[in-house]
Amino acid sequence: MNINIGILIISITLLGYFSNLLNGKFLNSFFIRWLYYIGAIIHEFSHAILCVLTGAKVTHISVFSRAPHVTHTKSKIPILGQALISLAPIAGGILFIILINHLLLNDFVAFQTINNIYEIPTHLLNIIKSLNFLHWQTYIFILLILNTGAMIGPSFQDLKNIWPILIISFFIKSQFLSAILLGVIAILALNILLQIFIIIISLGFKKSR
């Protein structure tokens, strides 16, 4: 099942925005804020790396601010260069998660290829069932997932920077790209489910006091 790439990119952006909204409104603690910054570092440095690779000069990087961003000159690759820079956090974030899972957690979580959107709930359930709270890897994985909204989701400004490419992407179908983007959506969905769970627990704790 090949879904329009544009629809998947918009979905990832909305999920990332919703994740950050939950963090800001309900989970705005010192601890969660620093997890957000870890995600922001991966996000902004993904932009910066693609700037270098596409011939754009990075003039400023801001991470520890209310609106993290990278300022850069134009890419030497017309149109496509800016698209790669703007969408870099999707690739950078998912690569970071895969590397941490493989190198640090010894493939603690078995990520699977997702071929269509209907497989996402089953994939999420398999990941949740595989978590063992007697193992330290579970807690590292949870911390890793908690900041994926800031890490992976393109900002609305990123999409504004590539709107011509974004429009074209609504007419593009690719099984390979769809599988990658559906995997990103699954991780963001897991991130949001985890956030909601923590919010419910914290609200219940406050009511019981």
N, C-alpha and C. Protein backbone atom coordinates (compact mmCIF):
# COMPACT_ATOMS: atom_id res chain seq x y z
N MET A 1 0.85 -1.20 0.00
CA MET A 1 0.00 0.00 0.00
C MET A 1 0.88 1.24 0.00
N ASN A 2 0.97 1.94 -1.12
CA ASN A 2 1.77 3.14 -1.23
C ASN A 2 0.91 4.38 -0.97
N ILE A 3 1.27 5.14 0.05
CA ILE A 3 0.54 6.36 0.40
C ILE A 3 1.31 7.55 -0.15
N ASN A 4 0.60 8.61 -0.54
CA ASN A 4 1.27 9.81 -1.02
C ASN A 4 2.27 10.29 0.03
N ILE A 5 3.49 10.57 -0.41
CA ILE A 5 4.55 10.97 0.50
C ILE A 5 4.17 12.27 1.22
N GLY A 6 3.51 13.17 0.51
CA GLY A 6 3.10 14.44 1.12
C GLY A 6 2.19 14.25 2.31
N ILE A 7 1.26 13.31 2.20
CA ILE A 7 0.33 13.03 3.31
C ILE A 7 1.10 12.53 4.53
N LEU A 8 2.09 11.69 4.30
CA LEU A 8 2.88 11.15 5.41
C LEU A 8 3.72 12.24 6.07
N ILE A 9 4.30 13.13 5.27
CA ILE A 9 5.10 14.23 5.82
C ILE A 9 4.24 15.16 6.67
N ILE A 10 3.04 15.49 6.18
CA ILE A 10 2.12 16.34 6.94
C ILE A 10 1.72 15.64 8.23
N SER A 11 1.46 14.34 8.16
CA SER A 11 1.07 13.57 9.35
C SER A 11 2.18 13.59 10.39
N ILE A 12 3.42 13.43 9.95
CA ILE A 12 4.57 13.46 10.87
C ILE A 12 4.69 14.84 11.53
N THR A 13 4.49 15.89 10.74
CA THR A 13 4.56 17.25 11.28
C THR A 13 3.50 17.49 12.33
N LEU A 14 2.26 17.06 12.06
CA LEU A 14 1.16 17.26 13.01
C LEU A 14 1.36 16.46 14.29
N LEU A 15 1.84 15.22 14.15
CA LEU A 15 2.11 14.40 15.33
C LEU A 15 3.23 15.01 16.18
N GLY A 16 4.27 15.51 15.50
CA GLY A 16 5.36 16.15 16.23
C GLY A 16 4.89 17.40 16.95
N TYR A 17 4.04 18.18 16.29
CA TYR A 17 3.50 19.39 16.91
C TYR A 17 2.64 19.04 18.12
N PHE A 18 1.80 18.00 17.99
CA PHE A 18 0.94 17.59 19.09
C PHE A 18 1.76 17.07 20.26
N SER A 19 2.83 16.35 19.97
CA SER A 19 3.72 15.85 21.02
C SER A 19 4.34 17.01 21.79
N ASN A 20 4.83 18.00 21.07
CA ASN A 20 5.44 19.16 21.72
C ASN A 20 4.41 19.97 22.50
N LEU A 21 3.17 19.99 22.00
CA LEU A 21 2.09 20.68 22.70
C LEU A 21 1.80 20.01 24.04
N LEU A 22 1.75 18.68 24.03
CA LEU A 22 1.54 17.94 25.28
C LEU A 22 2.67 18.20 26.28
N ASN A 23 3.89 18.22 25.77
CA ASN A 23 5.03 18.50 26.65
C ASN A 23 4.92 19.87 27.29
N GLY A 24 4.61 20.86 26.45
CA GLY A 24 4.56 22.24 26.93
C GLY A 24 3.41 22.50 27.89
N LYS A 25 2.28 21.84 27.67
CA LYS A 25 1.08 22.14 28.47
C LYS A 25 0.97 21.28 29.72
N PHE A 26 1.36 20.01 29.63
CA PHE A 26 1.13 19.09 30.75
C PHE A 26 2.41 18.52 31.38
N LEU A 27 3.51 18.54 30.64
CA LEU A 27 4.72 17.89 31.13
C LEU A 27 5.90 18.85 31.19
N ASN A 28 5.60 20.10 31.50
CA ASN A 28 6.62 21.14 31.47
C ASN A 28 7.45 21.15 32.76
N SER A 29 8.07 20.03 33.06
CA SER A 29 8.93 19.92 34.24
C SER A 29 10.38 20.09 33.82
N PHE A 30 11.25 20.29 34.80
CA PHE A 30 12.67 20.45 34.51
C PHE A 30 13.22 19.23 33.76
N PHE A 31 12.82 18.04 34.20
CA PHE A 31 13.31 16.80 33.60
C PHE A 31 12.87 16.66 32.15
N ILE A 32 11.58 16.86 31.91
CA ILE A 32 11.05 16.73 30.54
C ILE A 32 11.63 17.80 29.64
N ARG A 33 11.87 18.99 30.20
CA ARG A 33 12.42 20.08 29.41
C ARG A 33 13.81 19.73 28.89
N TRP A 34 14.62 19.06 29.71
CA TRP A 34 15.94 18.66 29.26
C TRP A 34 15.88 17.52 28.25
N LEU A 35 14.90 16.67 28.36
CA LEU A 35 14.69 15.66 27.32
C LEU A 35 14.33 16.32 26.00
N TYR A 36 13.51 17.37 26.09
CA TYR A 36 13.14 18.13 24.89
C TYR A 36 14.39 18.71 24.23
N TYR A 37 15.31 19.22 25.04
CA TYR A 37 16.52 19.81 24.48
C TYR A 37 17.39 18.76 23.79
N ILE A 38 17.40 17.54 24.34
CA ILE A 38 18.14 16.46 23.67
C ILE A 38 17.56 16.23 22.28
N GLY A 39 16.23 16.19 22.20
CA GLY A 39 15.58 16.04 20.90
C GLY A 39 15.87 17.21 19.99
N ALA A 40 15.88 18.43 20.57
CA ALA A 40 16.14 19.63 19.78
C ALA A 40 17.56 19.63 19.22
N ILE A 41 18.51 19.12 20.01
CA ILE A 41 19.89 19.03 19.54
C ILE A 41 19.98 18.15 18.30
N ILE A 42 19.37 16.96 18.37
CA ILE A 42 19.37 16.05 17.21
C ILE A 42 18.68 16.71 16.02
N HIS A 43 17.55 17.37 16.29
CA HIS A 43 16.77 18.03 15.23
C HIS A 43 17.61 19.10 14.51
N GLU A 44 18.18 20.02 15.30
CA GLU A 44 18.88 21.15 14.70
C GLU A 44 20.20 20.73 14.06
N PHE A 45 20.90 19.77 14.67
CA PHE A 45 22.15 19.33 14.06
C PHE A 45 21.91 18.48 12.82
N SER A 46 20.73 17.87 12.71
CA SER A 46 20.36 17.20 11.45
C SER A 46 20.25 18.23 10.34
N HIS A 47 19.60 19.37 10.66
CA HIS A 47 19.55 20.48 9.70
C HIS A 47 20.97 20.91 9.32
N ALA A 48 21.82 21.11 10.34
CA ALA A 48 23.16 21.65 10.11
C ALA A 48 24.00 20.70 9.25
N ILE A 49 23.92 19.40 9.52
CA ILE A 49 24.70 18.42 8.74
C ILE A 49 24.29 18.45 7.27
N LEU A 50 22.97 18.54 7.03
CA LEU A 50 22.52 18.59 5.62
C LEU A 50 22.88 19.92 4.98
N CYS A 51 23.00 20.98 5.78
CA CYS A 51 23.50 22.25 5.23
C CYS A 51 24.89 22.06 4.66
N VAL A 52 25.75 21.44 5.45
CA VAL A 52 27.14 21.21 5.03
C VAL A 52 27.19 20.31 3.80
N LEU A 53 26.37 19.25 3.80
CA LEU A 53 26.38 18.29 2.69
C LEU A 53 25.83 18.88 1.40
N THR A 54 24.98 19.89 1.50
CA THR A 54 24.39 20.49 0.29
C THR A 54 25.00 21.85 -0.05
N GLY A 55 26.08 22.21 0.64
CA GLY A 55 26.80 23.43 0.29
C GLY A 55 26.24 24.70 0.87
N ALA A 56 25.38 24.60 1.88
CA ALA A 56 24.86 25.80 2.55
C ALA A 56 25.73 26.09 3.77
N LYS A 57 26.01 27.36 4.03
CA LYS A 57 26.84 27.74 5.17
C LYS A 57 25.98 28.02 6.39
N VAL A 58 26.28 27.33 7.49
CA VAL A 58 25.55 27.54 8.74
C VAL A 58 26.09 28.80 9.40
N THR A 59 25.21 29.78 9.65
CA THR A 59 25.63 31.04 10.27
C THR A 59 25.25 31.13 11.74
N HIS A 60 24.27 30.32 12.16
CA HIS A 60 23.86 30.39 13.58
C HIS A 60 23.05 29.14 13.93
N ILE A 61 23.32 28.58 15.11
CA ILE A 61 22.54 27.46 15.63
C ILE A 61 22.03 27.84 17.02
N SER A 62 20.73 27.72 17.22
CA SER A 62 20.13 27.99 18.53
C SER A 62 19.37 26.74 18.97
N VAL A 63 19.76 26.18 20.10
CA VAL A 63 19.11 24.98 20.63
C VAL A 63 18.39 25.27 21.93
N PHE A 64 19.09 25.91 22.87
CA PHE A 64 18.53 26.14 24.20
C PHE A 64 17.74 27.45 24.24
N SER A 65 16.69 27.48 23.44
CA SER A 65 15.81 28.65 23.39
C SER A 65 14.38 28.17 23.22
N ARG A 66 13.44 29.10 23.29
CA ARG A 66 12.03 28.72 23.15
C ARG A 66 11.71 28.32 21.72
N ALA A 67 12.52 28.76 20.78
CA ALA A 67 12.31 28.41 19.37
C ALA A 67 13.65 28.00 18.75
N PRO A 68 14.09 26.76 18.98
CA PRO A 68 15.37 26.30 18.41
C PRO A 68 15.35 26.41 16.89
N HIS A 69 16.49 26.80 16.31
CA HIS A 69 16.53 26.96 14.86
C HIS A 69 17.98 26.98 14.37
N VAL A 70 18.11 26.79 13.06
CA VAL A 70 19.40 26.91 12.39
C VAL A 70 19.26 27.97 11.30
N THR A 71 20.18 28.93 11.30
CA THR A 71 20.21 29.94 10.25
C THR A 71 21.33 29.59 9.28
N HIS A 72 21.00 29.63 7.99
CA HIS A 72 22.01 29.22 7.01
C HIS A 72 21.81 29.96 5.70
N THR A 73 22.85 29.94 4.86
CA THR A 73 22.75 30.53 3.53
C THR A 73 22.04 29.54 2.60
N LYS A 74 21.83 29.94 1.36
CA LYS A 74 21.16 29.07 0.40
C LYS A 74 22.03 27.88 0.05
N SER A 75 21.39 26.75 -0.17
CA SER A 75 22.09 25.56 -0.61
C SER A 75 22.59 25.74 -2.04
N LYS A 76 23.71 25.10 -2.33
CA LYS A 76 24.24 25.14 -3.70
C LYS A 76 23.47 24.22 -4.64
N ILE A 77 22.61 23.38 -4.05
CA ILE A 77 21.75 22.51 -4.87
C ILE A 77 20.37 23.17 -4.96
N PRO A 78 19.98 23.68 -6.11
CA PRO A 78 18.71 24.40 -6.22
C PRO A 78 17.51 23.54 -5.81
N ILE A 79 16.61 24.14 -5.06
CA ILE A 79 15.32 23.57 -4.65
C ILE A 79 15.49 22.29 -3.81
N LEU A 80 16.09 21.26 -4.39
CA LEU A 80 16.23 19.98 -3.69
C LEU A 80 17.07 20.13 -2.43
N GLY A 81 18.10 20.98 -2.48
CA GLY A 81 18.97 21.18 -1.34
C GLY A 81 18.20 21.68 -0.13
N GLN A 82 17.33 22.68 -0.33
CA GLN A 82 16.54 23.22 0.77
C GLN A 82 15.56 22.18 1.30
N ALA A 83 15.01 21.36 0.41
CA ALA A 83 14.09 20.31 0.84
C ALA A 83 14.81 19.30 1.73
N LEU A 84 16.02 18.91 1.34
CA LEU A 84 16.80 17.96 2.14
C LEU A 84 17.14 18.55 3.51
N ILE A 85 17.49 19.83 3.54
CA ILE A 85 17.81 20.50 4.81
C ILE A 85 16.59 20.54 5.71
N SER A 86 15.44 20.90 5.15
CA SER A 86 14.22 21.07 5.94
C SER A 86 13.69 19.75 6.48
N LEU A 87 13.86 18.68 5.71
CA LEU A 87 13.33 17.37 6.12
C LEU A 87 14.38 16.50 6.81
N ALA A 88 15.58 17.04 7.00
CA ALA A 88 16.67 16.27 7.60
C ALA A 88 16.35 15.67 8.96
N PRO A 89 15.59 16.35 9.84
CA PRO A 89 15.31 15.76 11.16
C PRO A 89 14.57 14.43 11.10
N ILE A 90 13.78 14.20 10.06
CA ILE A 90 13.10 12.91 9.95
C ILE A 90 14.12 11.80 9.85
N ALA A 91 15.09 11.98 8.94
CA ALA A 91 16.13 10.96 8.76
C ALA A 91 17.08 10.94 9.95
N GLY A 92 17.49 12.13 10.41
CA GLY A 92 18.44 12.21 11.52
C GLY A 92 17.88 11.61 12.80
N GLY A 93 16.61 11.91 13.10
CA GLY A 93 15.99 11.41 14.32
C GLY A 93 15.82 9.90 14.31
N ILE A 94 15.32 9.36 13.21
CA ILE A 94 15.09 7.92 13.15
C ILE A 94 16.43 7.17 13.15
N LEU A 95 17.45 7.73 12.49
CA LEU A 95 18.77 7.11 12.49
C LEU A 95 19.36 7.10 13.90
N PHE A 96 19.17 8.20 14.64
CA PHE A 96 19.67 8.28 16.00
C PHE A 96 19.03 7.21 16.89
N ILE A 97 17.71 7.05 16.76
CA ILE A 97 16.99 6.06 17.56
C ILE A 97 17.46 4.64 17.22
N ILE A 98 17.62 4.37 15.93
CA ILE A 98 18.06 3.04 15.51
C ILE A 98 19.47 2.74 16.02
N LEU A 99 20.36 3.74 15.96
CA LEU A 99 21.74 3.54 16.41
C LEU A 99 21.81 3.32 17.91
N ILE A 100 21.05 4.12 18.68
CA ILE A 100 21.04 3.94 20.14
C ILE A 100 20.47 2.57 20.49
N ASN A 101 19.40 2.18 19.81
CA ASN A 101 18.80 0.87 20.07
C ASN A 101 19.77 -0.26 19.75
N HIS A 102 20.55 -0.09 18.68
CA HIS A 102 21.47 -1.15 18.26
C HIS A 102 22.77 -1.14 19.07
N LEU A 103 23.38 0.03 19.22
CA LEU A 103 24.71 0.10 19.83
C LEU A 103 24.67 0.11 21.36
N LEU A 104 23.71 0.85 21.93
CA LEU A 104 23.64 0.97 23.38
C LEU A 104 22.72 -0.07 24.01
N LEU A 105 21.58 -0.32 23.36
CA LEU A 105 20.58 -1.21 23.93
C LEU A 105 20.65 -2.63 23.38
N ASN A 106 21.60 -2.86 22.47
CA ASN A 106 21.81 -4.20 21.89
C ASN A 106 20.53 -4.74 21.25
N ASP A 107 19.89 -3.89 20.41
CA ASP A 107 18.65 -4.25 19.70
C ASP A 107 17.57 -4.72 20.67
N PHE A 108 17.42 -3.97 21.76
CA PHE A 108 16.43 -4.31 22.79
C PHE A 108 15.02 -4.31 22.22
N VAL A 109 14.74 -3.35 21.32
CA VAL A 109 13.42 -3.27 20.67
C VAL A 109 13.57 -3.70 19.22
N ALA A 110 12.70 -4.59 18.78
CA ALA A 110 12.76 -5.09 17.41
C ALA A 110 11.84 -4.24 16.53
N PHE A 111 12.45 -3.28 15.82
CA PHE A 111 11.67 -2.47 14.89
C PHE A 111 11.37 -3.29 13.64
N GLN A 112 10.15 -3.19 13.16
CA GLN A 112 9.73 -3.96 12.00
C GLN A 112 9.38 -3.03 10.84
N THR A 113 9.50 -3.54 9.64
CA THR A 113 9.09 -2.78 8.46
C THR A 113 7.57 -2.70 8.43
N ILE A 114 7.06 -1.50 8.26
CA ILE A 114 5.61 -1.29 8.21
C ILE A 114 5.22 -0.98 6.77
N ASN A 115 4.37 -1.80 6.20
CA ASN A 115 4.02 -1.66 4.78
C ASN A 115 2.74 -0.86 4.55
N ASN A 116 1.89 -0.78 5.56
CA ASN A 116 0.69 0.05 5.41
C ASN A 116 0.26 0.56 6.79
N ILE A 117 -0.59 1.55 6.79
CA ILE A 117 -0.96 2.24 8.02
C ILE A 117 -1.69 1.33 9.01
N TYR A 118 -2.33 0.28 8.49
CA TYR A 118 -3.10 -0.62 9.36
C TYR A 118 -2.19 -1.51 10.21
N GLU A 119 -0.91 -1.59 9.87
CA GLU A 119 0.02 -2.40 10.64
C GLU A 119 0.58 -1.64 11.84
N ILE A 120 0.37 -0.33 11.91
CA ILE A 120 0.95 0.48 12.99
C ILE A 120 0.47 0.03 14.37
N PRO A 121 -0.86 -0.15 14.61
CA PRO A 121 -1.29 -0.58 15.96
C PRO A 121 -0.65 -1.90 16.40
N THR A 122 -0.55 -2.87 15.48
CA THR A 122 0.08 -4.16 15.82
C THR A 122 1.55 -3.97 16.16
N HIS A 123 2.23 -3.13 15.39
CA HIS A 123 3.64 -2.86 15.63
C HIS A 123 3.83 -2.21 17.00
N LEU A 124 2.97 -1.23 17.33
CA LEU A 124 3.06 -0.56 18.62
C LEU A 124 2.81 -1.54 19.77
N LEU A 125 1.82 -2.39 19.58
CA LEU A 125 1.50 -3.39 20.61
C LEU A 125 2.67 -4.34 20.83
N ASN A 126 3.33 -4.74 19.76
CA ASN A 126 4.49 -5.64 19.88
C ASN A 126 5.63 -4.97 20.64
N ILE A 127 5.85 -3.67 20.38
CA ILE A 127 6.90 -2.95 21.09
C ILE A 127 6.58 -2.85 22.57
N ILE A 128 5.32 -2.47 22.88
CA ILE A 128 4.90 -2.34 24.28
C ILE A 128 5.03 -3.67 25.01
N LYS A 129 4.62 -4.75 24.36
CA LYS A 129 4.69 -6.08 24.98
C LYS A 129 6.13 -6.53 25.21
N SER A 130 7.05 -6.01 24.39
CA SER A 130 8.45 -6.43 24.51
C SER A 130 9.19 -5.71 25.64
N LEU A 131 8.60 -4.65 26.19
CA LEU A 131 9.26 -3.89 27.25
C LEU A 131 9.23 -4.67 28.55
N ASN A 132 10.38 -4.81 29.13
CA ASN A 132 10.52 -5.53 30.41
C ASN A 132 11.08 -4.55 31.44
N PHE A 133 10.26 -4.20 32.45
CA PHE A 133 10.65 -3.17 33.40
C PHE A 133 11.66 -3.66 34.43
N LEU A 134 12.11 -4.91 34.29
CA LEU A 134 13.19 -5.41 35.11
C LEU A 134 14.55 -5.16 34.45
N HIS A 135 14.52 -4.68 33.19
CA HIS A 135 15.74 -4.42 32.44
C HIS A 135 15.96 -2.91 32.32
N TRP A 136 17.19 -2.47 32.51
CA TRP A 136 17.51 -1.05 32.43
C TRP A 136 17.28 -0.49 31.02
N GLN A 137 17.38 -1.36 30.01
CA GLN A 137 17.19 -0.89 28.63
C GLN A 137 15.80 -0.30 28.42
N THR A 138 14.80 -0.82 29.14
CA THR A 138 13.44 -0.32 29.00
C THR A 138 13.37 1.16 29.36
N TYR A 139 14.05 1.55 30.41
CA TYR A 139 13.98 2.94 30.88
C TYR A 139 14.74 3.88 29.94
N ILE A 140 15.85 3.41 29.39
CA ILE A 140 16.59 4.21 28.41
C ILE A 140 15.74 4.40 27.15
N PHE A 141 15.07 3.33 26.74
CA PHE A 141 14.23 3.40 25.54
C PHE A 141 13.07 4.38 25.75
N ILE A 142 12.46 4.34 26.93
CA ILE A 142 11.35 5.26 27.24
C ILE A 142 11.84 6.71 27.20
N LEU A 143 13.00 6.97 27.79
CA LEU A 143 13.56 8.33 27.76
C LEU A 143 13.85 8.76 26.33
N LEU A 144 14.31 7.82 25.53
CA LEU A 144 14.61 8.10 24.13
C LEU A 144 13.34 8.47 23.37
N ILE A 145 12.27 7.72 23.60
CA ILE A 145 11.02 7.94 22.89
C ILE A 145 10.33 9.22 23.34
N LEU A 146 10.52 9.61 24.61
CA LEU A 146 9.81 10.77 25.15
C LEU A 146 10.13 12.08 24.44
N ASN A 147 11.28 12.17 23.79
CA ASN A 147 11.62 13.43 23.14
C ASN A 147 11.61 13.36 21.62
N THR A 148 10.96 12.32 21.07
CA THR A 148 10.97 12.18 19.60
C THR A 148 10.14 13.24 18.89
N GLY A 149 9.16 13.83 19.58
CA GLY A 149 8.38 14.89 18.94
C GLY A 149 9.26 16.06 18.54
N ALA A 150 10.15 16.45 19.47
CA ALA A 150 11.09 17.54 19.17
C ALA A 150 12.19 17.07 18.23
N MET A 151 12.53 15.80 18.30
CA MET A 151 13.64 15.27 17.54
C MET A 151 13.32 15.09 16.05
N ILE A 152 12.17 14.52 15.76
CA ILE A 152 11.87 14.09 14.39
C ILE A 152 10.96 15.04 13.63
N GLY A 153 9.93 15.54 14.29
CA GLY A 153 8.89 16.29 13.59
C GLY A 153 9.39 17.57 12.94
N PRO A 154 9.21 17.73 11.62
CA PRO A 154 9.56 19.01 10.98
C PRO A 154 8.67 20.12 11.54
N SER A 155 9.22 21.31 11.66
CA SER A 155 8.41 22.44 12.11
C SER A 155 7.58 22.97 10.94
N PHE A 156 6.58 23.78 11.26
CA PHE A 156 5.78 24.38 10.20
C PHE A 156 6.64 25.32 9.34
N GLN A 157 7.67 25.92 9.95
CA GLN A 157 8.59 26.76 9.18
C GLN A 157 9.38 25.91 8.19
N ASP A 158 9.75 24.69 8.60
CA ASP A 158 10.45 23.78 7.68
C ASP A 158 9.59 23.52 6.45
N LEU A 159 8.29 23.29 6.68
CA LEU A 159 7.39 23.02 5.55
C LEU A 159 7.20 24.25 4.68
N LYS A 160 7.16 25.44 5.30
CA LYS A 160 7.04 26.67 4.52
C LYS A 160 8.25 26.86 3.61
N ASN A 161 9.40 26.40 4.08
CA ASN A 161 10.62 26.56 3.30
C ASN A 161 10.64 25.69 2.05
N ILE A 162 9.81 24.66 2.02
CA ILE A 162 9.85 23.70 0.89
C ILE A 162 8.48 23.50 0.26
N TRP A 163 7.60 24.49 0.36
CA TRP A 163 6.22 24.26 -0.10
C TRP A 163 6.13 23.81 -1.55
N PRO A 164 6.99 24.26 -2.48
CA PRO A 164 6.86 23.72 -3.86
C PRO A 164 7.13 22.21 -3.90
N ILE A 165 8.18 21.76 -3.17
CA ILE A 165 8.51 20.34 -3.12
C ILE A 165 7.42 19.57 -2.40
N LEU A 166 6.86 20.19 -1.36
CA LEU A 166 5.81 19.53 -0.58
C LEU A 166 4.58 19.27 -1.45
N ILE A 167 4.21 20.24 -2.27
CA ILE A 167 3.07 20.07 -3.17
C ILE A 167 3.33 18.92 -4.14
N ILE A 168 4.55 18.89 -4.69
CA ILE A 168 4.91 17.81 -5.63
C ILE A 168 4.85 16.45 -4.94
N SER A 169 5.24 16.42 -3.63
CA SER A 169 5.30 15.15 -2.92
C SER A 169 3.92 14.49 -2.77
N PHE A 170 2.85 15.28 -2.91
CA PHE A 170 1.50 14.70 -2.84
C PHE A 170 1.19 13.84 -4.06
N PHE A 171 2.04 13.93 -5.07
CA PHE A 171 1.83 13.14 -6.29
C PHE A 171 2.88 12.03 -6.41
N ILE A 172 3.68 11.86 -5.35
CA ILE A 172 4.74 10.86 -5.37
C ILE A 172 4.35 9.67 -4.49
N LYS A 173 4.52 8.48 -5.01
CA LYS A 173 4.31 7.26 -4.23
C LYS A 173 5.58 6.41 -4.32
N SER A 174 6.04 5.95 -3.18
CA SER A 174 7.24 5.12 -3.13
C SER A 174 7.12 4.15 -1.97
N GLN A 175 7.19 2.87 -2.26
CA GLN A 175 7.07 1.86 -1.22
C GLN A 175 8.19 1.99 -0.20
N PHE A 176 9.42 2.27 -0.67
CA PHE A 176 10.57 2.41 0.22
C PHE A 176 10.38 3.60 1.16
N LEU A 177 10.06 4.78 0.61
CA LEU A 177 9.88 5.97 1.44
C LEU A 177 8.67 5.83 2.35
N SER A 178 7.61 5.21 1.84
CA SER A 178 6.40 5.01 2.65
C SER A 178 6.72 4.17 3.88
N ALA A 179 7.51 3.10 3.71
CA ALA A 179 7.86 2.23 4.84
C ALA A 179 8.64 3.00 5.90
N ILE A 180 9.58 3.85 5.46
CA ILE A 180 10.37 4.65 6.41
C ILE A 180 9.48 5.64 7.15
N LEU A 181 8.65 6.37 6.41
CA LEU A 181 7.80 7.40 7.01
C LEU A 181 6.72 6.79 7.91
N LEU A 182 6.20 5.63 7.55
CA LEU A 182 5.24 4.94 8.42
C LEU A 182 5.91 4.50 9.71
N GLY A 183 7.18 4.11 9.63
CA GLY A 183 7.93 3.77 10.83
C GLY A 183 8.10 4.98 11.74
N VAL A 184 8.35 6.14 11.13
CA VAL A 184 8.46 7.38 11.91
C VAL A 184 7.13 7.71 12.58
N ILE A 185 6.03 7.55 11.85
CA ILE A 185 4.70 7.80 12.41
C ILE A 185 4.43 6.88 13.60
N ALA A 186 4.84 5.61 13.48
CA ALA A 186 4.65 4.65 14.57
C ALA A 186 5.41 5.09 15.82
N ILE A 187 6.64 5.56 15.64
CA ILE A 187 7.44 6.02 16.79
C ILE A 187 6.82 7.26 17.43
N LEU A 188 6.34 8.19 16.62
CA LEU A 188 5.69 9.37 17.16
C LEU A 188 4.40 9.02 17.88
N ALA A 189 3.67 8.05 17.34
CA ALA A 189 2.44 7.59 18.00
C ALA A 189 2.77 6.97 19.36
N LEU A 190 3.85 6.19 19.41
CA LEU A 190 4.29 5.61 20.68
C LEU A 190 4.69 6.71 21.66
N ASN A 191 5.37 7.71 21.16
CA ASN A 191 5.75 8.87 21.97
C ASN A 191 4.51 9.53 22.60
N ILE A 192 3.47 9.75 21.80
CA ILE A 192 2.26 10.41 22.29
C ILE A 192 1.51 9.53 23.28
N LEU A 193 1.43 8.22 23.00
CA LEU A 193 0.79 7.30 23.95
C LEU A 193 1.50 7.31 25.30
N LEU A 194 2.83 7.35 25.26
CA LEU A 194 3.61 7.39 26.49
C LEU A 194 3.37 8.70 27.24
N GLN A 195 3.31 9.80 26.51
CA GLN A 195 3.04 11.10 27.13
C GLN A 195 1.67 11.09 27.81
N ILE A 196 0.66 10.60 27.10
CA ILE A 196 -0.70 10.57 27.65
C ILE A 196 -0.74 9.70 28.91
N PHE A 197 -0.04 8.57 28.88
CA PHE A 197 0.01 7.69 30.05
C PHE A 197 0.61 8.42 31.26
N ILE A 198 1.71 9.13 31.04
CA ILE A 198 2.37 9.87 32.12
C ILE A 198 1.47 11.00 32.62
N ILE A 199 0.77 11.67 31.71
CA ILE A 199 -0.15 12.75 32.10
C ILE A 199 -1.27 12.20 32.98
N ILE A 200 -1.86 11.07 32.58
CA ILE A 200 -2.95 10.46 33.37
C ILE A 200 -2.45 10.07 34.76
N ILE A 201 -1.26 9.47 34.83
CA ILE A 201 -0.69 9.07 36.12
C ILE A 201 -0.44 10.29 37.00
N SER A 202 0.12 11.34 36.41
CA SER A 202 0.44 12.54 37.20
C SER A 202 -0.81 13.25 37.66
N LEU A 203 -1.86 13.29 36.83
CA LEU A 203 -3.12 13.92 37.23
C LEU A 203 -3.79 13.12 38.34
N GLY A 204 -3.73 11.78 38.23
CA GLY A 204 -4.30 10.92 39.27
C GLY A 204 -3.55 11.10 40.58
N PHE A 205 -2.24 11.27 40.51
CA PHE A 205 -1.44 11.46 41.71
C PHE A 205 -1.78 12.79 42.39
N LYS A 206 -1.99 13.83 41.56
CA LYS A 206 -2.32 15.13 42.13
C LYS A 206 -3.68 15.11 42.82
N LYS A 207 -4.64 14.39 42.22
CA LYS A 207 -5.99 14.32 42.82
C LYS A 207 -5.98 13.55 44.14
N SER A 208 -5.09 12.57 44.25
CA SER A 208 -5.05 11.74 45.46
C SER A 208 -4.37 12.44 46.63
N ARG A 209 -3.67 13.55 46.35
CA ARG A 209 -2.95 14.25 47.43
C ARG A 209 -3.88 15.13 48.25
